[in-house]
Amino acid sequence: MRKNFILLIIIVLILNIGQATFAQGKNFITKNNVSLEKLDDKVEGVVKLSGKTTNSKIKILVKKDDYTKWFDVDINKGKFSKKIYLTEGKGSYKIYILVNIEGRKYKYGPEIEVINTKKVNKFLVSNKHIESNNKEIIKLAKKITANKETDYEKAKAIYEWVIKNIEYDNKKYNKHLNDNYNQSYGALNTIKVKKGVCYDYATLVAALGRAIKLQTKVIEGKGITEDYSGLHAWNEIYISEKNTWIKLDTTFADTANSNYFDTEEFDDNHIKQSEY
């Protein structure tokens, strides 16, 4: 019995050593069929999360203090790679890979903690649903603002293009009324389907602006018109030649067929609650 017990311990130790050697040699952290490449303890404003998995769906969760954000991840032939900017300043960030079980249920995969040593301008970099580093977005933004010299002219060109080319998605909005948010969102998707709700309009404006180095915010709060009063999203863009932020709302401009670009009465219809 004692010999069998000792033999069992040796086998367990060998297995553990083998796993540790794999993790160290390949520089991976592995859990729940996800292998995540290790990162340096200190990073400068951005992380690139790469690895492999046999799972069909995973997400990335980034946490710092009270900040929490989910990111979708594309898996191609069992491999994934995601670049994420650390927008909440310097300090410690915890990053988790989450594995889909079913529906909206997830379990934890590998996790890491990094120290960010460089502050980034959150209004200039890509983020969830604001894919300003995407080649298609960059190409479109440059085309829209071609021959425009000032930031104000570029912002106006983006505003006018979105109003002209994007249609409000009433079916999507009606699903929201029934608490159905399991849909596709963001700048890239909006360009693809040519329609969206206020969040899609706002993330598209932000992506196009940031793609050409215009500081652009997505603003969330309350929107008020004759026909609507409730949650809403719009934008602010920094105009360098005027050293000021201007406010614009492509959704209301489109649906109400009115001017919502840098107007004096803008705040009469908008109550700001958050920005990113």
C-alpha atoms as a PDB file:
ATOM      1  CA  MET A   1       0.000   0.000   0.000  1.00  0.00           C
ATOM      2  CA  ARG A   2       2.808   2.375   0.939  1.00  0.00           C
ATOM      3  CA  LYS A   3       4.617   1.571  -2.329  1.00  0.00           C
ATOM      4  CA  ASN A   4       1.446   2.253  -4.329  1.00  0.00           C
ATOM      5  CA  PHE A   5       0.975   5.572  -2.495  1.00  0.00           C
ATOM      6  CA  ILE A   6       4.557   6.637  -3.228  1.00  0.00           C
ATOM      7  CA  LEU A   7       4.159   5.588  -6.850  1.00  0.00           C
ATOM      8  CA  LEU A   8       0.978   7.672  -7.116  1.00  0.00           C
ATOM      9  CA  ILE A   9       2.771  10.730  -5.715  1.00  0.00           C
ATOM     10  CA  ILE A  10       5.613  10.290  -8.210  1.00  0.00           C
ATOM     11  CA  ILE A  11       3.154  10.039 -11.106  1.00  0.00           C
ATOM     12  CA  VAL A  12       1.334  13.199  -9.990  1.00  0.00           C
ATOM     13  CA  LEU A  13       4.635  15.059  -9.622  1.00  0.00           C
ATOM     14  CA  ILE A  14       5.756  13.977 -13.074  1.00  0.00           C
ATOM     15  CA  LEU A  15       2.464  15.129 -14.569  1.00  0.00           C
ATOM     16  CA  ASN A  16       2.698  18.474 -12.779  1.00  0.00           C
ATOM     17  CA  ILE A  17       6.296  18.983 -13.861  1.00  0.00           C
ATOM     18  CA  GLY A  18       5.332  18.178 -17.430  1.00  0.00           C
ATOM     19  CA  GLN A  19       2.536  20.730 -17.375  1.00  0.00           C
ATOM     20  CA  ALA A  20       4.747  23.384 -15.790  1.00  0.00           C
ATOM     21  CA  THR A  21       7.483  22.755 -18.340  1.00  0.00           C
ATOM     22  CA  PHE A  22       4.982  23.133 -21.164  1.00  0.00           C
ATOM     23  CA  ALA A  23       3.672  26.395 -19.737  1.00  0.00           C
ATOM     24  CA  GLN A  24       7.140  27.791 -19.186  1.00  0.00           C
ATOM     25  CA  GLY A  25       8.699  26.505 -22.391  1.00  0.00           C
ATOM     26  CA  LYS A  26       5.851  27.578 -24.641  1.00  0.00           C
ATOM     27  CA  ASN A  27       5.171  30.680 -22.560  1.00  0.00           C
ATOM     28  CA  PHE A  28       1.469  29.840 -22.236  1.00  0.00           C
ATOM     29  CA  ILE A  29      -1.050  29.911 -19.413  1.00  0.00           C
ATOM     30  CA  THR A  30      -3.618  27.162 -19.977  1.00  0.00           C
ATOM     31  CA  LYS A  31      -7.058  26.680 -18.450  1.00  0.00           C
ATOM     32  CA  ASN A  32     -10.372  25.264 -19.717  1.00  0.00           C
ATOM     33  CA  ASN A  33      -8.965  24.511 -23.167  1.00  0.00           C
ATOM     34  CA  VAL A  34      -7.588  28.007 -23.697  1.00  0.00           C
ATOM     35  CA  SER A  35      -3.842  28.647 -23.936  1.00  0.00           C
ATOM     36  CA  LEU A  36      -2.920  32.311 -23.532  1.00  0.00           C
ATOM     37  CA  GLU A  37       0.545  33.633 -24.319  1.00  0.00           C
ATOM     38  CA  LYS A  38       2.175  35.221 -21.295  1.00  0.00           C
ATOM     39  CA  LEU A  39       2.897  38.946 -21.291  1.00  0.00           C
ATOM     40  CA  ASP A  40       5.548  41.038 -19.605  1.00  0.00           C
ATOM     41  CA  ASP A  41       4.540  42.233 -16.160  1.00  0.00           C
ATOM     42  CA  LYS A  42       4.762  45.854 -17.345  1.00  0.00           C
ATOM     43  CA  VAL A  43       3.173  47.197 -20.536  1.00  0.00           C
ATOM     44  CA  GLU A  44       2.942  50.604 -22.213  1.00  0.00           C
ATOM     45  CA  GLY A  45      -0.697  51.434 -22.789  1.00  0.00           C
ATOM     46  CA  VAL A  46      -1.684  48.414 -24.843  1.00  0.00           C
ATOM     47  CA  VAL A  47      -1.750  44.617 -24.686  1.00  0.00           C
ATOM     48  CA  LYS A  48      -1.864  42.056 -27.462  1.00  0.00           C
ATOM     49  CA  LEU A  49      -3.584  38.889 -26.274  1.00  0.00           C
ATOM     50  CA  SER A  50      -2.820  35.866 -28.424  1.00  0.00           C
ATOM     51  CA  GLY A  51      -3.323  32.159 -27.991  1.00  0.00           C
ATOM     52  CA  LYS A  52      -5.190  29.073 -29.072  1.00  0.00           C
ATOM     53  CA  THR A  53      -8.331  27.256 -28.038  1.00  0.00           C
ATOM     54  CA  THR A  54     -10.609  24.382 -28.943  1.00  0.00           C
ATOM     55  CA  ASN A  55     -13.603  26.369 -27.727  1.00  0.00           C
ATOM     56  CA  SER A  56     -15.929  27.924 -30.279  1.00  0.00           C
ATOM     57  CA  LYS A  57     -16.571  31.158 -28.380  1.00  0.00           C
ATOM     58  CA  ILE A  58     -14.532  33.167 -25.891  1.00  0.00           C
ATOM     59  CA  LYS A  59     -14.530  36.730 -24.601  1.00  0.00           C
ATOM     60  CA  ILE A  60     -11.985  38.947 -22.873  1.00  0.00           C
ATOM     61  CA  LEU A  61     -12.781  40.807 -19.665  1.00  0.00           C
ATOM     62  CA  VAL A  62     -10.612  43.771 -18.604  1.00  0.00           C
ATOM     63  CA  LYS A  63     -10.894  45.165 -15.071  1.00  0.00           C
ATOM     64  CA  LYS A  64      -9.296  48.089 -13.251  1.00  0.00           C
ATOM     65  CA  ASP A  65     -10.796  49.470 -10.055  1.00  0.00           C
ATOM     66  CA  ASP A  66     -14.475  50.128 -10.924  1.00  0.00           C
ATOM     67  CA  TYR A  67     -13.857  49.833 -14.676  1.00  0.00           C
ATOM     68  CA  THR A  68     -15.072  46.639 -16.384  1.00  0.00           C
ATOM     69  CA  LYS A  69     -15.301  46.017 -20.118  1.00  0.00           C
ATOM     70  CA  TRP A  70     -16.010  42.937 -22.268  1.00  0.00           C
ATOM     71  CA  PHE A  71     -14.439  42.367 -25.666  1.00  0.00           C
ATOM     72  CA  ASP A  72     -15.540  39.939 -28.359  1.00  0.00           C
ATOM     73  CA  VAL A  73     -12.831  37.706 -29.808  1.00  0.00           C
ATOM     74  CA  ASP A  74     -12.576  36.251 -33.311  1.00  0.00           C
ATOM     75  CA  ILE A  75     -11.271  32.675 -33.431  1.00  0.00           C
ATOM     76  CA  ASN A  76      -9.658  31.526 -36.682  1.00  0.00           C
ATOM     77  CA  LYS A  77      -8.692  27.861 -36.971  1.00  0.00           C
ATOM     78  CA  GLY A  78      -8.315  27.565 -33.226  1.00  0.00           C
ATOM     79  CA  LYS A  79      -6.170  30.694 -32.848  1.00  0.00           C
ATOM     80  CA  PHE A  80      -6.976  34.189 -31.621  1.00  0.00           C
ATOM     81  CA  SER A  81      -5.265  37.562 -31.304  1.00  0.00           C
ATOM     82  CA  LYS A  82      -6.739  40.745 -29.830  1.00  0.00           C
ATOM     83  CA  LYS A  83      -5.161  44.165 -29.335  1.00  0.00           C
ATOM     84  CA  ILE A  84      -6.647  46.125 -26.442  1.00  0.00           C
ATOM     85  CA  TYR A  85      -5.724  49.619 -25.283  1.00  0.00           C
ATOM     86  CA  LEU A  86      -5.620  50.190 -21.534  1.00  0.00           C
ATOM     87  CA  THR A  87      -7.612  53.394 -21.415  1.00  0.00           C
ATOM     88  CA  GLU A  88      -8.060  53.875 -17.676  1.00  0.00           C
ATOM     89  CA  GLY A  89      -4.651  55.319 -16.919  1.00  0.00           C
ATOM     90  CA  LYS A  90      -1.579  53.871 -15.274  1.00  0.00           C
ATOM     91  CA  GLY A  91      -1.748  51.060 -12.738  1.00  0.00           C
ATOM     92  CA  SER A  92      -2.778  47.439 -12.364  1.00  0.00           C
ATOM     93  CA  TYR A  93      -5.163  45.763 -14.809  1.00  0.00           C
ATOM     94  CA  LYS A  94      -6.591  42.253 -14.519  1.00  0.00           C
ATOM     95  CA  ILE A  95      -7.411  40.491 -17.758  1.00  0.00           C
ATOM     96  CA  TYR A  96      -9.506  37.332 -17.980  1.00  0.00           C
ATOM     97  CA  ILE A  97     -10.296  34.954 -20.808  1.00  0.00           C
ATOM     98  CA  LEU A  98     -13.889  33.761 -20.438  1.00  0.00           C
ATOM     99  CA  VAL A  99     -15.153  30.583 -22.097  1.00  0.00           C
ATOM    100  CA  ASN A 100     -18.740  30.365 -23.291  1.00  0.00           C
ATOM    101  CA  ILE A 101     -20.765  27.521 -21.807  1.00  0.00           C
ATOM    102  CA  GLU A 102     -24.128  28.340 -23.383  1.00  0.00           C
ATOM    103  CA  GLY A 103     -26.142  31.465 -24.046  1.00  0.00           C
ATOM    104  CA  ARG A 104     -24.787  34.172 -21.750  1.00  0.00           C
ATOM    105  CA  LYS A 105     -23.125  31.737 -19.357  1.00  0.00           C
ATOM    106  CA  TYR A 106     -19.307  31.785 -19.163  1.00  0.00           C
ATOM    107  CA  LYS A 107     -16.566  30.171 -17.125  1.00  0.00           C
ATOM    108  CA  TYR A 108     -13.076  31.454 -16.406  1.00  0.00           C
ATOM    109  CA  GLY A 109     -10.124  30.551 -18.567  1.00  0.00           C
ATOM    110  CA  PRO A 110      -6.587  31.931 -18.135  1.00  0.00           C
ATOM    111  CA  GLU A 111      -6.083  35.242 -16.351  1.00  0.00           C
ATOM    112  CA  ILE A 112      -3.182  37.664 -16.115  1.00  0.00           C
ATOM    113  CA  GLU A 113      -2.346  40.892 -14.336  1.00  0.00           C
ATOM    114  CA  VAL A 114      -0.240  43.655 -15.858  1.00  0.00           C
ATOM    115  CA  ILE A 115       1.008  47.045 -14.736  1.00  0.00           C
ATOM    116  CA  ASN A 116       0.346  49.796 -17.251  1.00  0.00           C
ATOM    117  CA  THR A 117       3.128  52.385 -17.225  1.00  0.00           C
ATOM    118  CA  LYS A 118       1.845  54.686 -19.974  1.00  0.00           C
ATOM    119  CA  LYS A 119      -1.295  56.789 -20.145  1.00  0.00           C
ATOM    120  CA  VAL A 120      -3.090  56.719 -23.492  1.00  0.00           C
ATOM    121  CA  ASN A 121      -5.631  59.163 -24.880  1.00  0.00           C
ATOM    122  CA  LYS A 122      -8.827  57.114 -24.757  1.00  0.00           C
ATOM    123  CA  PHE A 123     -10.504  59.396 -27.286  1.00  0.00           C
ATOM    124  CA  LEU A 124      -7.937  58.613 -29.990  1.00  0.00           C
ATOM    125  CA  VAL A 125      -7.621  54.821 -29.792  1.00  0.00           C
ATOM    126  CA  SER A 126      -9.797  51.910 -30.839  1.00  0.00           C
ATOM    127  CA  ASN A 127     -12.100  50.294 -28.315  1.00  0.00           C
ATOM    128  CA  LYS A 128     -15.006  47.885 -28.147  1.00  0.00           C
ATOM    129  CA  HIS A 129     -17.275  48.594 -31.150  1.00  0.00           C
ATOM    130  CA  ILE A 130     -15.091  51.598 -32.077  1.00  0.00           C
ATOM    131  CA  GLU A 131     -12.804  49.870 -34.584  1.00  0.00           C
ATOM    132  CA  SER A 132     -10.813  52.929 -35.610  1.00  0.00           C
ATOM    133  CA  ASN A 133      -7.714  50.836 -36.396  1.00  0.00           C
ATOM    134  CA  ASN A 134      -9.554  48.737 -38.971  1.00  0.00           C
ATOM    135  CA  LYS A 135      -8.311  49.221 -42.551  1.00  0.00           C
ATOM    136  CA  GLU A 136     -11.822  49.609 -43.950  1.00  0.00           C
ATOM    137  CA  ILE A 137     -12.681  52.272 -41.379  1.00  0.00           C
ATOM    138  CA  ILE A 138      -9.443  54.175 -41.999  1.00  0.00           C
ATOM    139  CA  LYS A 139      -9.927  54.098 -45.774  1.00  0.00           C
ATOM    140  CA  LEU A 140     -13.499  55.337 -45.491  1.00  0.00           C
ATOM    141  CA  ALA A 141     -12.604  58.106 -43.028  1.00  0.00           C
ATOM    142  CA  LYS A 142      -9.878  59.398 -45.333  1.00  0.00           C
ATOM    143  CA  LYS A 143     -12.253  59.322 -48.299  1.00  0.00           C
ATOM    144  CA  ILE A 144     -14.984  61.201 -46.414  1.00  0.00           C
ATOM    145  CA  THR A 145     -12.605  63.932 -45.259  1.00  0.00           C
ATOM    146  CA  ALA A 146     -10.543  64.256 -48.433  1.00  0.00           C
ATOM    147  CA  ASN A 147      -9.742  67.896 -49.232  1.00  0.00           C
ATOM    148  CA  LYS A 148     -10.995  69.003 -45.814  1.00  0.00           C
ATOM    149  CA  GLU A 149      -8.354  71.098 -44.079  1.00  0.00           C
ATOM    150  CA  THR A 150      -9.643  71.947 -40.602  1.00  0.00           C
ATOM    151  CA  ASP A 151     -10.864  69.660 -37.832  1.00  0.00           C
ATOM    152  CA  TYR A 152     -14.220  71.418 -37.978  1.00  0.00           C
ATOM    153  CA  GLU A 153     -14.601  70.672 -41.688  1.00  0.00           C
ATOM    154  CA  LYS A 154     -13.606  67.035 -41.147  1.00  0.00           C
ATOM    155  CA  ALA A 155     -16.066  66.621 -38.271  1.00  0.00           C
ATOM    156  CA  LYS A 156     -18.870  68.140 -40.365  1.00  0.00           C
ATOM    157  CA  ALA A 157     -18.041  65.834 -43.287  1.00  0.00           C
ATOM    158  CA  ILE A 158     -18.254  62.749 -41.061  1.00  0.00           C
ATOM    159  CA  TYR A 159     -21.529  63.986 -39.564  1.00  0.00           C
ATOM    160  CA  GLU A 160     -23.075  64.542 -42.992  1.00  0.00           C
ATOM    161  CA  TRP A 161     -21.858  61.208 -44.386  1.00  0.00           C
ATOM    162  CA  VAL A 162     -23.349  59.209 -41.514  1.00  0.00           C
ATOM    163  CA  ILE A 163     -26.708  60.988 -41.795  1.00  0.00           C
ATOM    164  CA  LYS A 164     -26.819  60.375 -45.541  1.00  0.00           C
ATOM    165  CA  ASN A 165     -25.678  56.742 -45.558  1.00  0.00           C
ATOM    166  CA  ILE A 166     -27.008  55.154 -42.351  1.00  0.00           C
ATOM    167  CA  GLU A 167     -30.667  54.350 -41.698  1.00  0.00           C
ATOM    168  CA  TYR A 168     -32.276  54.046 -38.274  1.00  0.00           C
ATOM    169  CA  ASP A 169     -33.042  50.396 -37.423  1.00  0.00           C
ATOM    170  CA  ASN A 170     -36.533  50.358 -35.929  1.00  0.00           C
ATOM    171  CA  LYS A 171     -36.620  46.557 -35.708  1.00  0.00           C
ATOM    172  CA  LYS A 172     -33.479  46.573 -33.593  1.00  0.00           C
ATOM    173  CA  TYR A 173     -34.901  49.295 -31.363  1.00  0.00           C
ATOM    174  CA  ASN A 174     -38.137  47.338 -30.873  1.00  0.00           C
ATOM    175  CA  LYS A 175     -36.114  44.322 -29.778  1.00  0.00           C
ATOM    176  CA  HIS A 176     -34.487  46.541 -27.153  1.00  0.00           C
ATOM    177  CA  LEU A 177     -37.949  47.376 -25.844  1.00  0.00           C
ATOM    178  CA  ASN A 178     -38.367  43.639 -25.213  1.00  0.00           C
ATOM    179  CA  ASP A 179     -34.963  43.448 -23.457  1.00  0.00           C
ATOM    180  CA  ASN A 180     -33.369  41.665 -26.414  1.00  0.00           C
ATOM    181  CA  TYR A 181     -29.816  42.997 -26.714  1.00  0.00           C
ATOM    182  CA  ASN A 182     -28.306  39.870 -28.244  1.00  0.00           C
ATOM    183  CA  GLN A 183     -27.528  41.593 -31.542  1.00  0.00           C
ATOM    184  CA  SER A 184     -24.569  42.929 -33.504  1.00  0.00           C
ATOM    185  CA  TYR A 185     -23.324  46.435 -32.742  1.00  0.00           C
ATOM    186  CA  GLY A 186     -20.538  48.869 -33.538  1.00  0.00           C
ATOM    187  CA  ALA A 187     -18.891  50.792 -36.332  1.00  0.00           C
ATOM    188  CA  LEU A 188     -17.885  47.913 -38.593  1.00  0.00           C
ATOM    189  CA  ASN A 189     -21.254  46.211 -38.364  1.00  0.00           C
ATOM    190  CA  THR A 190     -23.049  49.497 -39.032  1.00  0.00           C
ATOM    191  CA  ILE A 191     -21.038  50.107 -42.195  1.00  0.00           C
ATOM    192  CA  LYS A 192     -21.830  46.572 -43.316  1.00  0.00           C
ATOM    193  CA  VAL A 193     -25.601  46.654 -42.779  1.00  0.00           C
ATOM    194  CA  LYS A 194     -26.027  50.429 -43.355  1.00  0.00           C
ATOM    195  CA  LYS A 195     -28.362  50.793 -40.372  1.00  0.00           C
ATOM    196  CA  GLY A 196     -28.345  50.891 -36.595  1.00  0.00           C
ATOM    197  CA  VAL A 197     -29.620  52.460 -33.381  1.00  0.00           C
ATOM    198  CA  CYS A 198     -28.170  55.504 -31.624  1.00  0.00           C
ATOM    199  CA  TYR A 199     -25.284  53.498 -30.141  1.00  0.00           C
ATOM    200  CA  ASP A 200     -24.294  52.347 -33.633  1.00  0.00           C
ATOM    201  CA  TYR A 201     -24.451  55.868 -35.044  1.00  0.00           C
ATOM    202  CA  ALA A 202     -22.283  57.156 -32.195  1.00  0.00           C
ATOM    203  CA  THR A 203     -19.669  54.398 -32.348  1.00  0.00           C
ATOM    204  CA  LEU A 204     -19.408  54.826 -36.112  1.00  0.00           C
ATOM    205  CA  VAL A 205     -18.800  58.566 -35.776  1.00  0.00           C
ATOM    206  CA  ALA A 206     -16.187  57.855 -33.093  1.00  0.00           C
ATOM    207  CA  ALA A 207     -14.406  55.255 -35.210  1.00  0.00           C
ATOM    208  CA  LEU A 208     -14.291  57.498 -38.274  1.00  0.00           C
ATOM    209  CA  GLY A 209     -13.068  60.449 -36.242  1.00  0.00           C
ATOM    210  CA  ARG A 210     -10.355  58.570 -34.383  1.00  0.00           C
ATOM    211  CA  ALA A 211      -9.224  56.912 -37.619  1.00  0.00           C
ATOM    212  CA  ILE A 212      -8.052  60.332 -38.846  1.00  0.00           C
ATOM    213  CA  LYS A 213      -6.710  61.450 -35.451  1.00  0.00           C
ATOM    214  CA  LEU A 214      -9.703  63.506 -34.344  1.00  0.00           C
ATOM    215  CA  GLN A 215     -10.306  63.148 -30.623  1.00  0.00           C
ATOM    216  CA  THR A 216     -13.845  61.784 -30.525  1.00  0.00           C
ATOM    217  CA  LYS A 217     -16.010  60.817 -27.571  1.00  0.00           C
ATOM    218  CA  VAL A 218     -19.067  58.612 -27.373  1.00  0.00           C
ATOM    219  CA  ILE A 219     -21.497  60.252 -24.964  1.00  0.00           C
ATOM    220  CA  GLU A 220     -24.253  58.337 -23.209  1.00  0.00           C
ATOM    221  CA  GLY A 221     -27.133  59.958 -21.381  1.00  0.00           C
ATOM    222  CA  LYS A 222     -30.719  61.034 -21.922  1.00  0.00           C
ATOM    223  CA  GLY A 223     -32.108  62.279 -25.211  1.00  0.00           C
ATOM    224  CA  ILE A 224     -35.294  64.322 -25.403  1.00  0.00           C
ATOM    225  CA  THR A 225     -37.452  65.141 -28.441  1.00  0.00           C
ATOM    226  CA  GLU A 226     -41.170  65.607 -29.068  1.00  0.00           C
ATOM    227  CA  ASP A 227     -41.484  61.870 -29.771  1.00  0.00           C
ATOM    228  CA  TYR A 228     -38.876  60.365 -27.456  1.00  0.00           C
ATOM    229  CA  SER A 229     -37.379  60.653 -23.988  1.00  0.00           C
ATOM    230  CA  GLY A 230     -34.912  58.035 -22.792  1.00  0.00           C
ATOM    231  CA  LEU A 231     -31.444  56.519 -23.043  1.00  0.00           C
ATOM    232  CA  HIS A 232     -29.426  57.919 -25.911  1.00  0.00           C
ATOM    233  CA  ALA A 233     -25.915  58.154 -27.390  1.00  0.00           C
ATOM    234  CA  TRP A 234     -24.214  60.944 -29.323  1.00  0.00           C
ATOM    235  CA  ASN A 235     -20.720  62.420 -29.827  1.00  0.00           C
ATOM    236  CA  GLU A 236     -18.284  65.175 -28.987  1.00  0.00           C
ATOM    237  CA  ILE A 237     -15.297  65.976 -31.225  1.00  0.00           C
ATOM    238  CA  TYR A 238     -12.299  68.101 -30.272  1.00  0.00           C
ATOM    239  CA  ILE A 239     -11.612  70.943 -32.709  1.00  0.00           C
ATOM    240  CA  SER A 240      -7.940  71.829 -32.375  1.00  0.00           C
ATOM    241  CA  GLU A 241      -8.081  75.140 -34.250  1.00  0.00           C
ATOM    242  CA  LYS A 242     -10.780  76.348 -31.832  1.00  0.00           C
ATOM    243  CA  ASN A 243      -9.394  74.567 -28.769  1.00  0.00           C
ATOM    244  CA  THR A 244     -12.867  73.306 -27.892  1.00  0.00           C
ATOM    245  CA  TRP A 245     -15.157  70.266 -28.010  1.00  0.00           C
ATOM    246  CA  ILE A 246     -18.246  70.436 -30.210  1.00  0.00           C
ATOM    247  CA  LYS A 247     -21.407  68.338 -29.796  1.00  0.00           C
ATOM    248  CA  LEU A 248     -23.157  66.443 -32.555  1.00  0.00           C
ATOM    249  CA  ASP A 249     -25.978  63.921 -32.798  1.00  0.00           C
ATOM    250  CA  THR A 250     -26.282  61.992 -36.044  1.00  0.00           C
ATOM    251  CA  THR A 251     -29.226  59.887 -34.825  1.00  0.00           C
ATOM    252  CA  PHE A 252     -31.537  62.788 -34.018  1.00  0.00           C
ATOM    253  CA  ALA A 253     -30.335  64.629 -37.123  1.00  0.00           C
ATOM    254  CA  ASP A 254     -31.308  61.650 -39.267  1.00  0.00           C
ATOM    255  CA  THR A 255     -34.602  60.688 -37.636  1.00  0.00           C
ATOM    256  CA  ALA A 256     -35.882  64.232 -37.039  1.00  0.00           C
ATOM    257  CA  ASN A 257     -34.382  65.696 -40.218  1.00  0.00           C
ATOM    258  CA  SER A 258     -32.950  68.573 -38.178  1.00  0.00           C
ATOM    259  CA  ASN A 259     -29.547  70.100 -37.533  1.00  0.00           C
ATOM    260  CA  TYR A 260     -27.745  68.674 -34.506  1.00  0.00           C
ATOM    261  CA  PHE A 261     -24.212  69.763 -35.361  1.00  0.00           C
ATOM    262  CA  ASP A 262     -22.661  72.260 -32.940  1.00  0.00           C
ATOM    263  CA  THR A 263     -25.898  74.113 -32.211  1.00  0.00           C
ATOM    264  CA  GLU A 264     -26.464  76.561 -29.354  1.00  0.00           C
ATOM    265  CA  GLU A 265     -29.599  74.725 -28.197  1.00  0.00           C
ATOM    266  CA  PHE A 266     -27.988  71.253 -28.237  1.00  0.00           C
ATOM    267  CA  ASP A 267     -28.167  70.840 -24.449  1.00  0.00           C
ATOM    268  CA  ASP A 268     -31.922  71.432 -24.514  1.00  0.00           C
ATOM    269  CA  ASN A 269     -32.302  67.912 -25.935  1.00  0.00           C
ATOM    270  CA  HIS A 270     -29.388  66.133 -24.275  1.00  0.00           C
ATOM    271  CA  ILE A 271     -28.410  65.316 -20.693  1.00  0.00           C
ATOM    272  CA  LYS A 272     -24.891  63.897 -20.480  1.00  0.00           C
ATOM    273  CA  GLN A 273     -24.191  61.052 -18.032  1.00  0.00           C
ATOM    274  CA  SER A 274     -20.982  59.367 -19.201  1.00  0.00           C
ATOM    275  CA  GLU A 275     -18.287  59.509 -21.866  1.00  0.00           C
ATOM    276  CA  TYR A 276     -15.713  57.167 -23.354  1.00  0.00           C
END
